[in-house]
Every structure is written in C-alpha cells, then in structure tokens.
Amino acid sequence: MVPREITFYSNKAAAFIELRRYQECVRTCDSVIAMAQSTATGCDLAKLAKIKTRKANALTKMGKFAESVEAYESALQDNQDEMIKKGLQEAIERKEKADDEER
C-alpha cells in the first residue's frame, strides 16, 4: 500500500534531510509534486508548498542554488508563508555569493 497523504511524504523528506540524504529528499519531493499535479481533486496547497520548500532546502544543501530558488518560488505560488520568503531570500543570497566566487 502506497500512502497518498502528502504529510507522510513531507515527513519522509524531512527525515532524508536530517540524514543528509539530499538526493533522496529531492526524489521524494518530485514524486509527490507529480502525484499532486496528476490528482484531479487537487490537494492542500499549504502542504504542497511545504514539500516544495523541503526540496528547496535539500537543493540548497547540495549547492544547487539556482534550482533551490526555483523551488522556493514555486512554493510561494502555493503559499505566501513568511518562512518560505525567508528561505527564498537566503537561497538568492547564497546563489549570488556562489556566482561572485566563480568570477
């Protein structure tokens, strides 16, 4: 049996982050996002934003700042939460710093 509740996967993604298994976190989040998009009934946008935020967090920890910014921006489309805005700002700052260091 495969759970269909987003909270289950959100908790699983959080556990992967704590275990520093960031790629598995991203894969889990991507599968939930795809599942939510294919569901005709829709889903709780706040929960979907949380999954996208977990993905963004994992991407940031992997040093994939541009992808992280995209994930945070997508999360903000679903929920204008202040923590998501803060995460986005931090990801943008880290991306700019990494871009500057490359030059």
Protein backbone atom coordinates (compact mmCIF):
# COMPACT_ATOMS: atom_id res chain seq x y z
CA MET A 1 0.00 0.00 0.00
CA VAL A 2 1.34 3.41 -1.00
CA PRO A 3 0.21 6.31 1.16
CA ARG A 4 -1.48 9.14 -0.74
CA GLU A 5 -1.31 11.70 2.07
CA ILE A 6 1.24 14.43 1.40
CA THR A 7 2.15 14.70 5.09
CA PHE A 8 3.62 11.18 5.04
CA TYR A 9 5.98 12.14 2.22
CA SER A 10 6.76 15.51 3.75
CA ASN A 11 7.89 13.77 6.93
CA LYS A 12 9.89 11.27 4.87
CA ALA A 13 11.59 14.14 3.02
CA ALA A 14 12.39 15.84 6.32
CA ALA A 15 13.97 12.63 7.58
CA PHE A 16 16.14 12.42 4.46
CA ILE A 17 17.34 15.98 5.08
CA GLU A 18 18.26 15.13 8.67
CA LEU A 19 20.15 12.06 7.40
CA ARG A 20 21.91 14.23 4.79
CA ARG A 21 20.41 12.11 2.03
CA TYR A 22 19.53 15.15 -0.02
CA GLN A 23 19.12 13.45 -3.39
CA GLU A 24 16.59 11.05 -1.90
CA CYS A 25 14.75 14.02 -0.42
CA VAL A 26 14.58 15.69 -3.83
CA ARG A 27 13.35 12.47 -5.47
CA THR A 28 10.67 12.03 -2.82
CA CYS A 29 9.52 15.63 -3.22
CA ASP A 30 9.49 15.38 -7.01
CA SER A 31 7.30 12.28 -6.90
CA VAL A 32 4.83 13.96 -4.53
CA ILE A 33 4.69 17.08 -6.69
CA ALA A 34 3.98 14.93 -9.76
CA MET A 35 1.34 12.97 -7.84
CA ALA A 36 -0.33 16.19 -6.69
CA GLN A 37 -0.37 17.61 -10.21
CA SER A 38 -1.95 14.46 -11.61
CA THR A 39 -4.70 14.35 -8.97
CA ALA A 40 -7.95 15.69 -10.36
CA THR A 41 -9.27 16.65 -6.93
CA GLY A 42 -6.28 18.83 -6.14
CA CYS A 43 -4.52 18.96 -2.82
CA ASP A 44 -3.85 21.18 0.15
CA LEU A 45 -1.67 23.95 -1.27
CA ALA A 46 -0.02 24.65 2.09
CA LYS A 47 1.10 21.03 2.28
CA LEU A 48 2.30 21.11 -1.31
CA ALA A 49 4.25 24.30 -0.57
CA LYS A 50 5.88 22.52 2.38
CA ILE A 51 7.05 19.69 0.11
CA LYS A 52 8.45 22.22 -2.38
CA THR A 53 10.19 24.01 0.49
CA ARG A 54 11.78 20.76 1.67
CA LYS A 55 13.01 20.19 -1.88
CA ALA A 56 14.42 23.72 -2.00
CA ASN A 57 16.17 23.17 1.33
CA ALA A 58 17.79 19.96 0.10
CA LEU A 59 18.88 21.64 -3.13
CA THR A 60 20.45 24.47 -1.13
CA LYS A 61 22.37 21.96 0.98
CA MET A 62 23.56 20.32 -2.26
CA GLY A 63 24.84 23.67 -3.53
CA LYS A 64 22.26 23.81 -6.32
CA PHE A 65 21.24 27.36 -5.61
CA ALA A 66 19.54 28.21 -8.92
CA GLU A 67 17.31 25.12 -8.62
CA SER A 68 16.67 25.95 -4.99
CA VAL A 69 15.49 29.46 -5.90
CA GLU A 70 13.10 27.96 -8.47
CA ALA A 71 11.69 25.53 -5.91
CA TYR A 72 11.16 28.30 -3.36
CA GLU A 73 9.46 30.48 -5.98
CA SER A 74 7.16 27.59 -6.86
CA ALA A 75 6.34 27.09 -3.17
CA LEU A 76 5.48 30.78 -2.85
CA GLN A 77 2.93 30.43 -5.65
CA ASP A 78 1.10 27.94 -3.44
CA ASN A 79 1.56 29.65 -0.07
CA GLN A 80 2.82 33.14 0.81
CA ASP A 81 4.33 31.94 4.09
CA GLU A 82 6.99 34.15 5.67
CA MET A 83 9.35 31.20 6.25
CA ILE A 84 9.25 30.38 2.54
CA LYS A 85 10.03 34.01 1.72
CA LYS A 86 12.95 33.91 4.15
CA GLY A 87 14.24 30.67 2.62
CA LEU A 88 13.98 32.18 -0.85
CA GLN A 89 15.94 35.26 0.22
CA GLU A 90 18.67 33.10 1.75
CA ALA A 91 18.86 30.94 -1.39
CA ILE A 92 19.15 34.05 -3.58
CA GLU A 93 21.95 35.39 -1.38
CA ARG A 94 23.82 32.09 -1.49
CA LYS A 95 23.37 31.90 -5.26
CA GLU A 96 24.73 35.42 -5.72
CA LYS A 97 27.70 34.66 -3.47
CA ALA A 98 28.47 31.46 -5.41
CA ASP A 99 28.16 33.37 -8.71
CA ASP A 100 30.56 36.04 -7.44
CA GLU A 101 33.08 33.41 -6.36
CA GLU A 102 33.02 31.86 -9.84
CA ARG A 103 34.07 35.14 -11.42
